Protein backbone atom coordinates (compact mmCIF):
# COMPACT_ATOMS: atom_id res chain seq x y z
CA MET A 1 -23.98 -10.53 58.85
CA PRO A 2 -24.39 -14.38 58.74
CA SER A 3 -21.64 -16.27 56.50
CA ILE A 4 -22.13 -17.83 53.23
CA GLU A 5 -22.93 -21.18 55.18
CA GLU A 6 -25.54 -19.80 57.52
CA SER A 7 -27.26 -18.29 53.97
CA ILE A 8 -30.69 -19.43 54.71
CA HIS A 9 -33.33 -21.74 51.84
CA PRO A 10 -36.34 -20.88 51.35
CA PRO A 11 -38.12 -24.15 52.02
CA GLU A 12 -40.11 -24.95 48.77
CA THR A 13 -37.80 -27.97 46.81
CA ILE A 14 -38.63 -30.55 44.41
CA SER A 15 -42.53 -31.04 44.07
CA GLU A 16 -44.34 -34.38 45.38
CA GLY A 17 -45.31 -34.88 41.66
CA GLU A 18 -42.26 -34.92 40.37
CA ALA A 19 -40.30 -36.48 43.70
CA LYS A 20 -42.84 -39.38 41.70
CA PHE A 21 -42.05 -39.18 38.48
CA GLU A 22 -37.97 -39.21 38.87
CA ALA A 23 -38.70 -42.49 41.34
CA PHE A 24 -41.36 -43.73 38.63
CA ARG A 25 -38.32 -43.35 36.41
CA LYS A 26 -35.35 -44.53 37.98
CA LYS A 27 -37.48 -48.09 39.13
CA LEU A 28 -38.52 -48.74 35.47
CA GLY A 29 -34.78 -49.07 34.32
CA TYR A 30 -34.56 -52.35 35.69
CA PHE A 31 -37.66 -53.97 33.88
CA LEU A 32 -36.56 -52.25 30.22
CA ALA A 33 -32.83 -52.01 30.02
CA PRO A 34 -33.26 -56.19 30.46
CA ALA A 35 -36.08 -56.27 28.68
CA VAL A 36 -34.10 -54.10 25.12
CA PHE A 37 -31.21 -56.36 26.01
CA LEU A 38 -33.16 -60.06 25.60
CA ALA A 39 -35.28 -58.45 22.38
CA ILE A 40 -32.23 -57.34 20.36
CA PHE A 41 -30.70 -60.63 21.49
CA PHE A 42 -32.83 -62.78 20.72
CA PHE A 43 -33.68 -60.78 17.45
CA PRO A 44 -32.17 -61.92 13.72
CA PHE A 45 -29.76 -59.75 12.50
CA ASP A 46 -28.63 -61.30 9.52
CA ASP A 47 -26.47 -58.76 8.55
CA LEU A 48 -24.73 -58.11 11.48
CA LYS A 49 -21.61 -60.41 12.88
CA PRO A 50 -21.99 -61.87 15.62
CA GLU A 51 -19.33 -59.57 18.32
CA ALA A 52 -21.91 -56.94 16.74
CA HIS A 53 -25.25 -58.04 17.63
CA ARG A 54 -24.46 -58.75 21.36
CA LEU A 55 -23.13 -55.24 21.24
CA ALA A 56 -26.13 -54.01 20.35
CA ALA A 57 -28.03 -55.97 23.15
CA ILE A 58 -25.68 -54.53 25.80
CA MET A 59 -25.67 -51.08 23.82
CA ALA A 60 -28.86 -50.36 23.63
CA ALA A 61 -29.73 -51.61 27.92
CA VAL A 62 -26.59 -49.74 28.08
CA ILE A 63 -28.28 -46.52 27.15
CA VAL A 64 -31.55 -47.36 28.74
CA LEU A 65 -30.23 -47.73 32.19
CA TRP A 66 -28.00 -44.55 31.34
CA LEU A 67 -31.51 -42.11 30.28
CA CYS A 68 -33.65 -44.15 33.76
CA GLU A 69 -30.39 -43.31 35.93
CA THR A 70 -31.30 -46.33 37.78
CA LEU A 71 -27.78 -46.94 38.06
CA PRO A 72 -25.33 -44.66 38.92
CA MET A 73 -24.19 -43.62 35.85
CA THR A 74 -20.11 -45.29 36.19
CA ALA A 75 -21.80 -48.16 37.71
CA THR A 76 -22.96 -48.91 33.95
CA ALA A 77 -21.12 -47.85 32.24
CA LEU A 78 -18.22 -50.41 33.85
CA LEU A 79 -21.28 -53.16 33.62
CA GLY A 80 -20.93 -52.33 30.05
CA ALA A 81 -17.61 -53.06 29.53
CA ALA A 82 -17.74 -56.55 31.46
CA ALA A 83 -20.73 -57.59 29.52
CA ALA A 84 -18.60 -57.05 26.11
CA VAL A 85 -16.57 -59.41 28.32
CA VAL A 86 -18.56 -61.98 29.12
CA LEU A 87 -20.65 -62.10 26.06
CA GLN A 88 -17.23 -62.09 23.72
CA VAL A 89 -17.27 -58.82 22.29
CA ALA A 90 -14.29 -59.02 22.66
CA ASP A 91 -11.52 -60.36 24.89
CA ALA A 92 -11.06 -58.22 28.24
CA LYS A 93 -7.29 -56.58 27.04
CA SER A 94 -9.46 -55.61 24.21
CA VAL A 95 -12.13 -54.04 26.12
CA PHE A 96 -10.03 -52.20 28.81
CA ALA A 97 -6.83 -50.98 27.02
CA PRO A 98 -9.34 -47.43 26.86
CA PHE A 99 -8.98 -47.64 30.19
CA ALA A 100 -5.43 -46.57 30.18
CA ASP A 101 -5.71 -44.06 27.38
CA PRO A 102 -3.89 -40.65 27.24
CA LEU A 103 -7.00 -38.94 27.94
CA ILE A 104 -7.69 -40.30 31.49
CA PHE A 105 -4.79 -38.80 32.68
CA LEU A 106 -5.76 -36.41 31.42
CA PHE A 107 -8.61 -36.29 33.60
CA ILE A 108 -6.80 -37.35 36.88
CA GLY A 109 -4.10 -34.50 36.58
CA SER A 110 -6.49 -32.05 36.01
CA PHE A 111 -8.67 -33.32 38.61
CA ILE A 112 -6.07 -32.93 40.89
CA LEU A 113 -5.46 -29.50 40.15
CA ALA A 114 -8.88 -28.73 41.00
CA ARG A 115 -9.30 -30.08 43.87
CA ALA A 116 -6.02 -28.16 45.38
CA LEU A 117 -7.71 -25.04 44.09
CA PHE A 118 -10.85 -26.27 45.85
CA VAL A 119 -8.50 -27.12 48.77
CA ARG A 120 -6.79 -23.97 49.69
CA ASN A 121 -10.01 -21.56 48.90
CA LEU A 122 -8.05 -20.10 46.08
CA ASP A 123 -11.26 -20.75 44.05
CA LYS A 124 -13.44 -18.05 47.06
CA ARG A 125 -10.90 -15.84 46.82
CA VAL A 126 -10.81 -16.01 42.88
CA ALA A 127 -14.54 -15.23 43.32
CA PHE A 128 -14.63 -12.45 45.87
CA ALA A 129 -11.97 -10.25 44.45
CA VAL A 130 -13.84 -10.00 41.10
CA LEU A 131 -17.19 -9.70 42.79
CA SER A 132 -15.49 -7.08 44.75
CA LEU A 133 -13.98 -4.93 42.80
CA LYS A 134 -15.19 -1.12 42.51
CA ILE A 135 -16.62 -0.89 38.60
CA ILE A 136 -19.39 -3.24 40.34
CA GLY A 137 -20.83 -0.62 42.57
CA GLY A 138 -23.47 -2.20 44.28
CA ARG A 139 -25.09 -2.06 40.48
CA PRO A 140 -27.58 -5.38 39.97
CA SER A 141 -26.85 -5.86 36.54
CA ARG A 142 -22.80 -5.78 37.71
CA ILE A 143 -22.94 -8.12 39.95
CA LEU A 144 -25.19 -11.00 37.90
CA PHE A 145 -22.41 -9.64 34.93
CA ALA A 146 -19.37 -10.46 37.37
CA PHE A 147 -20.76 -13.70 39.17
CA GLY A 148 -21.51 -15.18 35.96
CA ALA A 149 -17.60 -14.50 34.69
CA VAL A 150 -16.30 -15.84 37.53
CA THR A 151 -18.69 -18.68 37.39
CA ALA A 152 -18.28 -19.59 33.74
CA PHE A 153 -14.30 -18.65 34.33
CA MET A 154 -14.07 -21.22 36.76
CA SER A 155 -15.54 -23.88 35.56
CA GLY A 156 -13.35 -24.13 32.55
CA TRP A 157 -10.02 -24.94 34.41
CA MET A 158 -12.64 -27.40 37.39
CA SER A 159 -15.81 -29.56 37.46
CA ASN A 160 -19.38 -27.82 35.84
CA THR A 161 -20.88 -29.23 39.01
CA ALA A 162 -17.67 -28.47 42.38
CA THR A 163 -18.15 -24.82 40.63
CA THR A 164 -21.81 -24.32 40.81
CA ALA A 165 -21.37 -25.86 44.06
CA MET A 166 -18.92 -22.89 45.62
CA MET A 167 -21.13 -20.47 43.60
CA PHE A 168 -24.55 -21.35 44.83
CA ALA A 169 -23.34 -21.62 48.41
CA ILE A 170 -22.36 -17.39 46.88
CA GLY A 171 -25.76 -16.35 45.14
CA LEU A 172 -27.57 -17.65 48.42
CA SER A 173 -25.68 -15.40 50.18
CA ILE A 174 -25.99 -11.80 48.58
CA ILE A 175 -29.87 -13.21 48.50
CA SER A 176 -30.39 -13.91 52.06
CA PHE A 177 -28.00 -10.65 51.89
CA LEU A 178 -30.85 -8.93 49.91
CA MET A 179 -34.26 -10.54 51.44
CA ARG A 180 -32.64 -8.34 55.16
CA GLN A 181 -32.27 -5.51 53.36
CA GLU A 182 -35.51 -5.27 52.41
CA LYS A 183 -36.98 -5.91 55.68
CA GLU A 184 -34.65 -3.16 56.91
CA THR A 185 -34.76 -0.51 54.03
CA GLY A 186 -38.37 -1.14 52.56
CA ILE A 187 -36.69 -0.87 49.58
CA LYS A 188 -38.09 -4.02 47.62
CA ILE A 189 -35.78 -5.96 45.22
CA ASN A 190 -37.60 -8.07 42.33
CA PRO A 191 -37.66 -11.87 43.55
CA SER A 192 -36.89 -12.79 39.60
CA TYR A 193 -33.62 -11.20 39.98
CA ALA A 194 -32.81 -14.28 43.04
CA THR A 195 -34.21 -16.91 39.75
CA ALA A 196 -31.84 -14.69 37.41
CA LEU A 197 -28.79 -15.00 40.36
CA MET A 198 -29.71 -19.23 40.55
CA LEU A 199 -30.33 -19.44 36.77
CA MET A 200 -26.85 -17.49 36.39
CA THR A 201 -25.40 -20.25 38.75
CA SER A 202 -26.31 -23.10 36.64
CA PHE A 203 -25.62 -21.76 33.06
CA SER A 204 -22.76 -19.94 33.05
CA ALA A 205 -21.24 -23.00 34.52
CA SER A 206 -22.14 -25.19 32.02
CA ILE A 207 -20.94 -22.81 28.79
CA GLY A 208 -18.47 -22.13 30.84
CA GLY A 209 -16.92 -25.58 30.95
CA VAL A 210 -16.90 -25.24 27.14
CA ALA A 211 -14.09 -23.05 26.65
CA THR A 212 -10.96 -25.85 27.73
CA PRO A 213 -11.72 -30.13 26.89
CA ILE A 214 -10.64 -30.60 30.67
CA GLY A 215 -13.89 -27.93 31.06
CA THR A 216 -16.30 -30.14 31.17
CA PRO A 217 -16.21 -34.30 30.87
CA PRO A 218 -17.98 -33.85 27.36
CA ASN A 219 -15.48 -31.87 25.46
CA VAL A 220 -12.69 -34.64 26.45
CA ILE A 221 -15.58 -38.17 25.79
CA GLY A 222 -15.54 -36.17 22.48
CA ILE A 223 -12.09 -35.76 21.84
CA GLY A 224 -11.45 -39.32 22.34
CA PHE A 225 -14.34 -40.44 19.49
CA ILE A 226 -12.77 -37.53 17.45
CA ARG A 227 -8.92 -38.52 17.32
CA SER A 228 -9.44 -42.37 17.24
CA LEU A 229 -12.67 -42.82 15.64
CA ALA A 230 -12.05 -40.03 13.22
CA GLY A 231 -8.27 -39.69 12.57
CA THR A 232 -8.46 -36.48 13.88
CA ASP A 233 -6.42 -35.17 17.19
CA ILE A 234 -7.40 -31.12 18.82
CA SER A 235 -5.07 -30.21 21.35
CA PHE A 236 -5.79 -28.23 23.85
CA PHE A 237 -4.28 -24.92 22.26
CA LYS A 238 -7.02 -25.64 19.44
CA TRP A 239 -9.50 -26.38 21.13
CA MET A 240 -10.35 -23.42 22.86
CA LEU A 241 -9.48 -21.56 19.20
CA ILE A 242 -13.47 -22.46 19.51
CA GLY A 243 -13.97 -23.04 22.78
CA VAL A 244 -13.65 -19.91 24.13
CA PRO A 245 -15.77 -17.97 21.15
CA VAL A 246 -18.53 -19.97 22.01
CA VAL A 247 -18.59 -19.24 25.70
CA ILE A 248 -18.07 -15.65 25.61
CA ILE A 249 -20.96 -15.21 22.72
CA LEU A 250 -23.38 -17.32 24.37
CA PHE A 251 -22.49 -15.93 28.16
CA LEU A 252 -23.37 -12.46 26.96
CA PHE A 253 -26.53 -13.82 25.60
CA LEU A 254 -27.61 -15.22 28.85
CA TRP A 255 -26.79 -11.78 30.95
CA LEU A 256 -28.57 -9.73 28.42
CA TYR A 257 -31.44 -11.88 28.61
CA LEU A 258 -31.34 -12.79 32.31
CA ASN A 259 -30.76 -8.76 32.81
CA TYR A 260 -34.03 -8.08 30.43
CA LEU A 261 -36.74 -10.33 32.28
CA ALA A 262 -35.35 -10.51 35.33
CA PRO A 263 -34.32 -6.85 36.68
CA ALA A 264 -33.94 -6.39 40.31
CA GLY A 265 -36.03 -3.66 39.74
CA VAL A 266 -33.46 -0.65 41.57
CA LYS A 267 -30.22 0.95 39.93
CA VAL A 268 -27.94 -0.01 43.53
CA ILE A 269 -28.15 -2.14 46.09
CA ALA A 270 -26.91 -0.76 48.95
CA GLY A 271 -24.46 -2.80 51.24
CA SER A 272 -23.83 -5.21 48.79
CA GLY A 273 -19.82 -3.97 48.33
CA GLU A 274 -19.50 -4.12 51.80
CA MET A 275 -21.37 -7.81 51.54
CA ILE A 276 -18.98 -9.18 49.47
CA ASP A 277 -15.70 -7.40 50.48
CA ALA A 278 -16.85 -8.36 54.07
CA GLU A 279 -16.62 -12.45 52.95
CA ARG A 280 -13.82 -11.87 50.97
CA LYS A 281 -11.03 -10.37 54.00
CA LYS A 282 -12.31 -13.57 56.00
CA LEU A 283 -9.98 -15.54 53.73
CA GLY A 284 -7.11 -13.47 54.61
CA PRO A 285 -4.27 -12.84 53.23
CA TRP A 286 -2.62 -15.63 50.90
CA THR A 287 -1.50 -18.30 52.39
CA ARG A 288 1.79 -20.00 51.65
CA GLY A 289 -0.33 -23.67 50.13
CA GLN A 290 -2.72 -21.60 48.25
CA ARG A 291 0.66 -19.13 46.19
CA SER A 292 2.50 -22.91 46.19
CA VAL A 293 -1.29 -23.82 44.39
CA ALA A 294 -1.23 -21.12 41.46
CA ILE A 295 2.19 -21.79 40.64
CA ALA A 296 2.03 -25.24 39.77
CA PHE A 297 -1.67 -24.10 38.23
CA ALA A 298 -0.14 -21.34 36.05
CA VAL A 299 3.09 -23.97 34.88
CA THR A 300 0.11 -26.53 34.02
CA VAL A 301 -1.34 -24.27 31.68
CA VAL A 302 1.74 -23.05 29.93
CA PHE A 303 2.26 -26.81 29.23
CA TRP A 304 -1.63 -26.68 28.00
CA ILE A 305 -1.05 -24.57 25.55
CA VAL A 306 2.48 -23.84 24.30
CA PRO A 307 2.93 -26.71 22.11
CA GLY A 308 -0.74 -25.01 20.26
CA ILE A 309 1.13 -21.17 20.06
CA VAL A 310 4.24 -23.18 18.17
CA ALA A 311 2.29 -24.94 16.09
CA LEU A 312 0.34 -21.43 15.07
CA ILE A 313 2.87 -19.59 14.28
CA LEU A 314 5.50 -22.60 13.05
CA GLY A 315 3.53 -25.20 11.92
CA GLU A 316 2.40 -28.03 12.28
CA GLN A 317 4.76 -29.44 10.65
CA SER A 318 8.10 -28.17 11.88
CA GLN A 319 10.32 -29.55 14.01
CA GLN A 320 10.10 -27.26 16.78
CA TYR A 321 6.17 -28.52 17.43
CA LYS A 322 6.70 -32.75 16.56
CA VAL A 323 9.73 -32.25 19.91
CA LEU A 324 7.26 -30.59 22.01
CA ASN A 325 3.82 -32.43 21.26
CA GLY A 326 5.84 -35.92 21.22
CA ARG A 327 7.53 -34.98 24.53
CA LEU A 328 4.59 -32.80 26.14
CA PRO A 329 0.94 -33.78 25.22
CA GLU A 330 -1.33 -32.82 27.13
CA SER A 331 -2.09 -35.38 29.69
CA VAL A 332 1.65 -35.14 30.92
CA GLY A 333 1.31 -31.57 31.25
CA ALA A 334 -1.20 -32.58 33.49
CA LEU A 335 0.57 -35.45 35.20
CA LEU A 336 3.16 -32.90 35.78
CA GLY A 337 1.73 -29.92 36.77
CA ALA A 338 -0.59 -32.12 39.87
CA MET A 339 2.51 -34.33 41.37
CA LEU A 340 4.36 -30.27 41.46
CA LEU A 341 1.67 -29.78 44.08
CA PHE A 342 3.71 -32.89 46.05
CA ILE A 343 6.90 -31.11 45.79
CA LEU A 344 5.62 -27.14 46.63
CA PRO A 345 5.36 -26.22 50.06
CA GLY A 346 2.02 -25.91 52.21
CA ASP A 347 1.15 -23.84 54.62
CA GLU A 348 2.45 -25.96 57.72
CA PRO A 349 6.41 -26.97 58.21
CA GLY A 350 6.92 -30.49 55.93
CA GLU A 351 3.49 -29.80 54.85
CA LYS A 352 2.67 -30.11 50.40
CA ALA A 353 0.79 -28.39 48.44
CA ILE A 354 -1.55 -31.06 48.66
CA SER A 355 -1.53 -34.37 50.14
CA TRP A 356 -2.27 -38.22 48.75
CA ASP A 357 -6.06 -38.23 50.61
CA ASP A 358 -6.75 -34.85 49.99
CA ALA A 359 -5.85 -36.40 45.88
CA VAL A 360 -7.17 -39.12 46.20
CA LYS A 361 -11.00 -37.95 46.80
CA ILE A 362 -11.12 -36.90 43.39
CA ASP A 363 -14.06 -37.84 41.20
CA TRP A 364 -13.34 -41.38 39.95
CA GLY A 365 -16.40 -42.05 38.53
CA VAL A 366 -16.08 -39.46 35.63
CA VAL A 367 -13.09 -41.12 34.98
CA PHE A 368 -13.91 -44.81 35.39
CA LEU A 369 -17.42 -42.76 33.15
CA TYR A 370 -15.22 -42.62 30.38
CA GLY A 371 -13.55 -45.10 29.85
CA GLY A 372 -16.22 -47.46 29.95
CA GLY A 373 -18.42 -45.65 27.05
CA PHE A 374 -15.28 -45.38 25.80
CA ALA A 375 -14.23 -48.83 25.34
CA LEU A 376 -18.10 -49.42 24.34
CA GLY A 377 -17.03 -46.81 21.52
CA VAL A 378 -14.72 -48.29 19.87
CA LEU A 379 -15.86 -51.56 20.50
CA SER A 380 -18.81 -50.56 18.18
CA PHE A 381 -16.79 -49.65 15.80
CA GLN A 382 -13.99 -52.47 15.47
CA THR A 383 -17.09 -54.90 16.00
CA GLY A 384 -18.85 -53.16 12.53
CA LEU A 385 -21.58 -51.77 14.45
CA ALA A 386 -21.13 -48.32 14.02
CA GLU A 387 -20.94 -48.96 10.51
CA ALA A 388 -24.53 -50.86 10.18
CA VAL A 389 -26.08 -48.52 11.92
CA GLY A 390 -24.61 -45.23 9.99
CA ARG A 391 -25.83 -47.34 7.44
CA GLY A 392 -29.42 -48.32 7.87
CA LEU A 393 -29.69 -44.32 9.69
CA THR A 394 -28.55 -42.74 6.78
CA GLU A 395 -31.33 -44.91 4.24
CA ILE A 396 -34.07 -43.39 6.57
CA LEU A 397 -32.88 -40.02 7.48
CA PRO A 398 -33.55 -36.80 5.65
CA PHE A 399 -29.86 -35.01 5.61
CA SER A 400 -26.70 -35.71 4.03
CA GLY A 401 -23.66 -33.93 3.16
CA GLY A 402 -21.96 -31.71 5.77
CA PHE A 403 -23.65 -29.25 7.18
CA GLY A 404 -27.19 -31.41 7.35
CA LEU A 405 -25.30 -33.66 9.39
CA LEU A 406 -23.88 -30.70 11.86
CA VAL A 407 -27.10 -29.34 12.18
CA ALA A 408 -28.65 -32.37 12.80
CA SER A 409 -26.19 -33.63 14.98
CA VAL A 410 -26.06 -30.07 17.09
CA ILE A 411 -30.02 -30.51 17.38
CA VAL A 412 -29.93 -34.40 18.32
CA ALA A 413 -27.44 -33.68 21.17
CA VAL A 414 -29.09 -31.31 22.56
CA ILE A 415 -32.14 -32.82 23.07
CA VAL A 416 -30.46 -35.93 24.32
CA SER A 417 -28.89 -33.05 27.23
CA GLU A 418 -32.27 -32.24 28.12
CA THR A 419 -32.59 -36.57 28.56
CA THR A 420 -30.37 -37.26 30.18
CA SER A 421 -26.76 -36.12 31.72
CA ASN A 422 -23.55 -34.32 29.54
CA THR A 423 -21.78 -37.37 28.89
CA ALA A 424 -24.48 -39.73 28.62
CA SER A 425 -24.76 -38.00 25.42
CA ALA A 426 -21.67 -37.05 24.30
CA ASN A 427 -21.08 -41.16 25.24
CA MET A 428 -24.20 -42.46 23.20
CA VAL A 429 -24.39 -39.19 20.04
CA VAL A 430 -20.76 -38.28 19.14
CA PRO A 431 -20.09 -42.36 18.24
CA VAL A 432 -22.82 -42.26 16.26
CA VAL A 433 -22.84 -39.20 14.19
CA ILE A 434 -19.27 -40.33 13.17
CA ALA A 435 -20.32 -44.07 11.87
CA ILE A 436 -22.77 -41.87 10.07
CA ALA A 437 -20.63 -39.47 8.41
CA GLN A 438 -18.36 -42.19 7.33
CA SER A 439 -21.58 -44.35 5.71
CA GLN A 440 -21.96 -41.22 3.87
CA GLY A 441 -19.29 -40.23 2.35
CA ALA A 442 -18.58 -36.96 4.28
CA ASP A 443 -16.21 -35.87 6.47
CA PRO A 444 -17.47 -36.87 10.42
CA PHE A 445 -15.10 -34.16 11.97
CA ILE A 446 -16.91 -31.08 11.66
CA PRO A 447 -20.49 -33.04 12.56
CA ALA A 448 -18.68 -34.63 15.43
CA LEU A 449 -17.78 -31.86 16.66
CA GLY A 450 -20.96 -30.20 16.41
CA ALA A 451 -22.23 -32.82 18.89
CA THR A 452 -19.43 -33.02 21.52
CA LEU A 453 -19.96 -29.23 21.90
CA ALA A 454 -24.08 -29.63 21.58
CA ALA A 455 -23.57 -31.93 24.75
CA SER A 456 -22.56 -29.08 26.82
CA LEU A 457 -26.27 -28.04 26.27
CA GLY A 458 -29.51 -28.55 27.95
CA PHE A 459 -31.11 -26.27 30.15
CA MET A 460 -34.41 -27.36 30.36
CA LEU A 461 -34.66 -29.39 33.14
CA PRO A 462 -33.38 -29.69 36.58
CA VAL A 463 -32.24 -33.82 35.13
CA SER A 464 -30.13 -32.41 32.11
CA THR A 465 -26.98 -31.27 34.55
CA PRO A 466 -26.13 -31.55 38.27
CA CYS A 467 -25.63 -28.22 37.92
CA ASN A 468 -29.51 -27.42 37.62
CA ALA A 469 -30.28 -29.80 40.28
CA ILE A 470 -27.94 -27.69 42.87
CA VAL A 471 -29.51 -24.84 41.98
CA TYR A 472 -33.23 -25.71 41.05
CA GLY A 473 -33.43 -27.34 44.95
CA SER A 474 -32.74 -23.81 45.89
CA GLY A 475 -36.54 -23.02 45.71
CA TYR A 476 -36.13 -19.75 43.55
CA ILE A 477 -36.63 -21.20 40.43
CA PRO A 478 -39.99 -22.33 39.29
CA LEU A 479 -39.92 -24.99 37.04
CA MET A 480 -41.28 -23.53 34.47
CA LYS A 481 -39.16 -20.38 34.65
CA MET A 482 -35.97 -22.97 34.28
CA VAL A 483 -38.05 -24.80 31.15
CA ARG A 484 -38.90 -21.24 29.74
CA TYR A 485 -35.01 -19.93 30.06
CA GLY A 486 -33.05 -22.67 29.18
CA ILE A 487 -34.80 -23.55 25.55
CA LEU A 488 -34.51 -19.89 25.12
CA LEU A 489 -30.26 -20.62 25.94
CA ASP A 490 -30.93 -24.00 23.79
CA ILE A 491 -31.69 -22.63 20.61
CA VAL A 492 -29.74 -20.05 20.99
CA GLY A 493 -26.77 -21.99 21.72
CA ALA A 494 -27.07 -24.52 18.96
CA ILE A 495 -27.52 -21.56 16.46
CA VAL A 496 -23.83 -20.26 17.73
CA ILE A 497 -21.91 -23.72 17.58
CA ILE A 498 -23.69 -24.49 14.11
CA ALA A 499 -22.44 -21.28 12.69
CA LEU A 500 -18.80 -21.36 14.67
CA VAL A 501 -18.15 -24.74 13.94
CA TRP A 502 -19.03 -24.09 10.25
CA THR A 503 -17.02 -20.84 10.18
CA LEU A 504 -14.14 -22.49 12.16
CA GLY A 505 -14.42 -26.13 12.63
CA GLY A 506 -11.54 -26.25 9.83
CA PHE A 507 -8.84 -24.54 11.88
CA LEU A 508 -8.81 -27.51 14.26
CA ARG A 509 -7.83 -29.70 11.77
């Protein structure tokens, strides 16, 4: 029986037409971004300060480059920040201050922990432990549920993309086994089941990232904007009060409609339990390094959620909560947990749970992307650009008030997430939503929270998220199936987010 790494891939990948379109889109940015920059730079905006005018030209070019993906997104964000200094929007100290924001260190600490989970194979151990449960019993519907549940859970604590890549390999192994079983037994498996398994990999990873602040970059980006621009700080525990219900509802809906629209066509897949159990046994017994990583991760989670529990029991005005929150914010908890990895032992004598060489392999691109995007968002408020944009949009948009603005912000965030990455969507949409709310005299917290959550949607296209791109490359997902299944999840996701933010959002303040 081949291992996961030996699982076969079907020959079909991205079509020639789609490849040409992607190449055209990327080249377009080289011409469109400078054109947009010059047009705005030389257009007379009499009601804008010179600094705000120059920043408007920079941000317009950055947005074009993000949408076209002409440059790596991180490079675009850093270019925008550097251009703000060159064009004297603000001095270098002010522009680069967001790169030292506490949330940057939350990113770094949580990424190191996630890296340790990957290096020590704890992610695979968790996945196969669940998939090999006797209750699954080779039933395709239960395999689909367990497969998606594991993906969503792990995605709440590590990168959506990394989770998808790991579960993608496991999913291909299951599909490869099904194909062999068809040849050996003659029992036909509905080809749509492979599509469902691949879509479950991507969609549940994107959904699961909503559960915690560290689950996906848009969460941290939105929390940062809400804290600095709207004046409300959302703790780790409070975020989970709304993030977890969103994940549970959307995941259950995803499983039900994939199970209904793409069933396996058989009640039991013979031998699947034995195959999964064999893969689990290849991992061997728990090692000392794995136990060390599990301890460090558990300690970090305690650091993250205990202040919120104390606030829930004793109140946010209690002395105990103020002391605990002041001395142990989420960023410090993440760093302490990550540093614990360098103290706890690894598998070999003298080895630690993670080496520095492994630790520095985290996704620094996301860290700098957050810093650059956050810098531009903060500058837009400092220069008055955000206020002007909000005032202008308020005059032409047909909605106002808390609920109307929430609905509009969620819809816009979903649409933008379909055309560019979720991270770029959060960077673009959340500051604008806050500006519009403030210009209307409305509370920006609720619509900004809705936009932050909705930025993690975007299920229709391969370009919407790296997760979609990974599974689309398998060849098991025709483009129109991703569009049909994805748009349904987008619509339901928007409705769920609007309903939960409107009803539960007030408890997060």
